[in-house]
Amino acid sequence: MPKITLETSKCIGCGTCWGFCDKIFEMGENGKSHLKGAKISSQKEELEVEEPSCATEAAQACPVQCIKIEF
């Protein structure tokens, strides 16, 4: 199953990811991106998904490249 990783320590909160893929990403209370339903640690969030769909475009568009998708 594909896994999306968001390196929260690198996120600048620009909103590009949730602009591309608001079914997986959202604005967190801290003003940075957040993976909906993710496992959260101090430096990253991880979410396993059936199909990464629009998250692939979000990862490619991220200006700081803090989104990774493992297949």
Protein backbone atom coordinates (compact mmCIF):
# COMPACT_ATOMS: atom_id res chain seq x y z
CA MET A 1 0.00 0.00 0.00
CA PRO A 2 1.44 3.44 -0.90
CA LYS A 3 2.61 5.64 1.99
CA ILE A 4 2.66 9.44 1.97
CA THR A 5 5.17 11.14 4.25
CA LEU A 6 5.04 14.84 5.10
CA GLU A 7 8.19 16.23 6.70
CA THR A 8 6.49 18.79 8.91
CA SER A 9 9.75 20.39 10.02
CA LYS A 10 10.40 21.48 6.41
CA CYS A 11 6.84 22.63 5.61
CA ILE A 12 6.47 26.39 5.06
CA GLY A 13 2.65 26.39 5.05
CA CYS A 14 2.28 27.73 1.52
CA GLY A 15 -0.89 25.69 0.86
CA THR A 16 0.18 24.24 -2.48
CA CYS A 17 -0.48 20.65 -1.39
CA TRP A 18 -4.01 21.20 -0.16
CA GLY A 19 -4.66 23.38 -3.19
CA PHE A 20 -3.88 20.33 -5.34
CA CYS A 21 -5.26 17.64 -3.04
CA ASP A 22 -7.65 18.75 -0.30
CA LYS A 23 -8.99 15.23 0.21
CA ILE A 24 -5.61 14.20 1.71
CA PHE A 25 -4.05 17.48 2.92
CA GLU A 26 -5.43 20.27 5.09
CA MET A 27 -4.19 23.36 6.95
CA GLY A 28 -3.20 22.43 10.49
CA GLU A 29 -3.74 24.58 13.57
CA ASN A 30 -0.08 25.59 13.38
CA GLY A 31 -0.53 27.11 9.91
CA LYS A 32 1.31 24.27 8.20
CA SER A 33 0.05 21.38 6.10
CA HIS A 34 -1.33 18.25 7.71
CA LEU A 35 -2.20 14.79 6.37
CA LYS A 36 -5.79 13.93 7.26
CA GLY A 37 -5.82 10.85 9.52
CA ALA A 38 -2.02 10.54 9.65
CA LYS A 39 0.29 8.97 12.21
CA ILE A 40 2.09 11.98 13.69
CA SER A 41 5.59 12.22 15.16
CA SER A 42 7.64 15.30 16.03
CA GLN A 43 9.23 15.68 12.58
CA LYS A 44 6.85 13.97 10.16
CA GLU A 45 3.41 12.61 9.43
CA GLU A 46 2.71 9.32 7.62
CA LEU A 47 -0.44 8.08 5.95
CA GLU A 48 -1.05 4.81 4.10
CA VAL A 49 -3.54 5.15 1.26
CA GLU A 50 -5.15 2.84 -1.28
CA GLU A 51 -4.37 5.27 -4.10
CA PRO A 52 -2.21 8.41 -3.75
CA SER A 53 -4.20 10.12 -6.57
CA CYS A 54 -3.76 13.88 -6.36
CA ALA A 55 -1.06 13.59 -3.65
CA THR A 56 1.42 12.80 -6.42
CA GLU A 57 0.75 16.18 -8.03
CA ALA A 58 0.93 17.87 -4.63
CA ALA A 59 4.33 16.29 -3.94
CA GLN A 60 5.67 17.43 -7.31
CA ALA A 61 4.37 20.98 -6.79
CA CYS A 62 5.68 21.42 -3.22
CA PRO A 63 8.27 24.23 -3.31
CA VAL A 64 10.32 22.74 -0.45
CA GLN A 65 9.86 19.07 -1.48
CA CYS A 66 8.70 17.94 1.97
CA ILE A 67 6.19 15.38 0.63
CA LYS A 68 7.36 11.89 -0.30
CA ILE A 69 5.34 8.99 -1.69
CA GLU A 70 6.58 5.41 -1.39
CA PHE A 71 4.95 2.73 -3.54
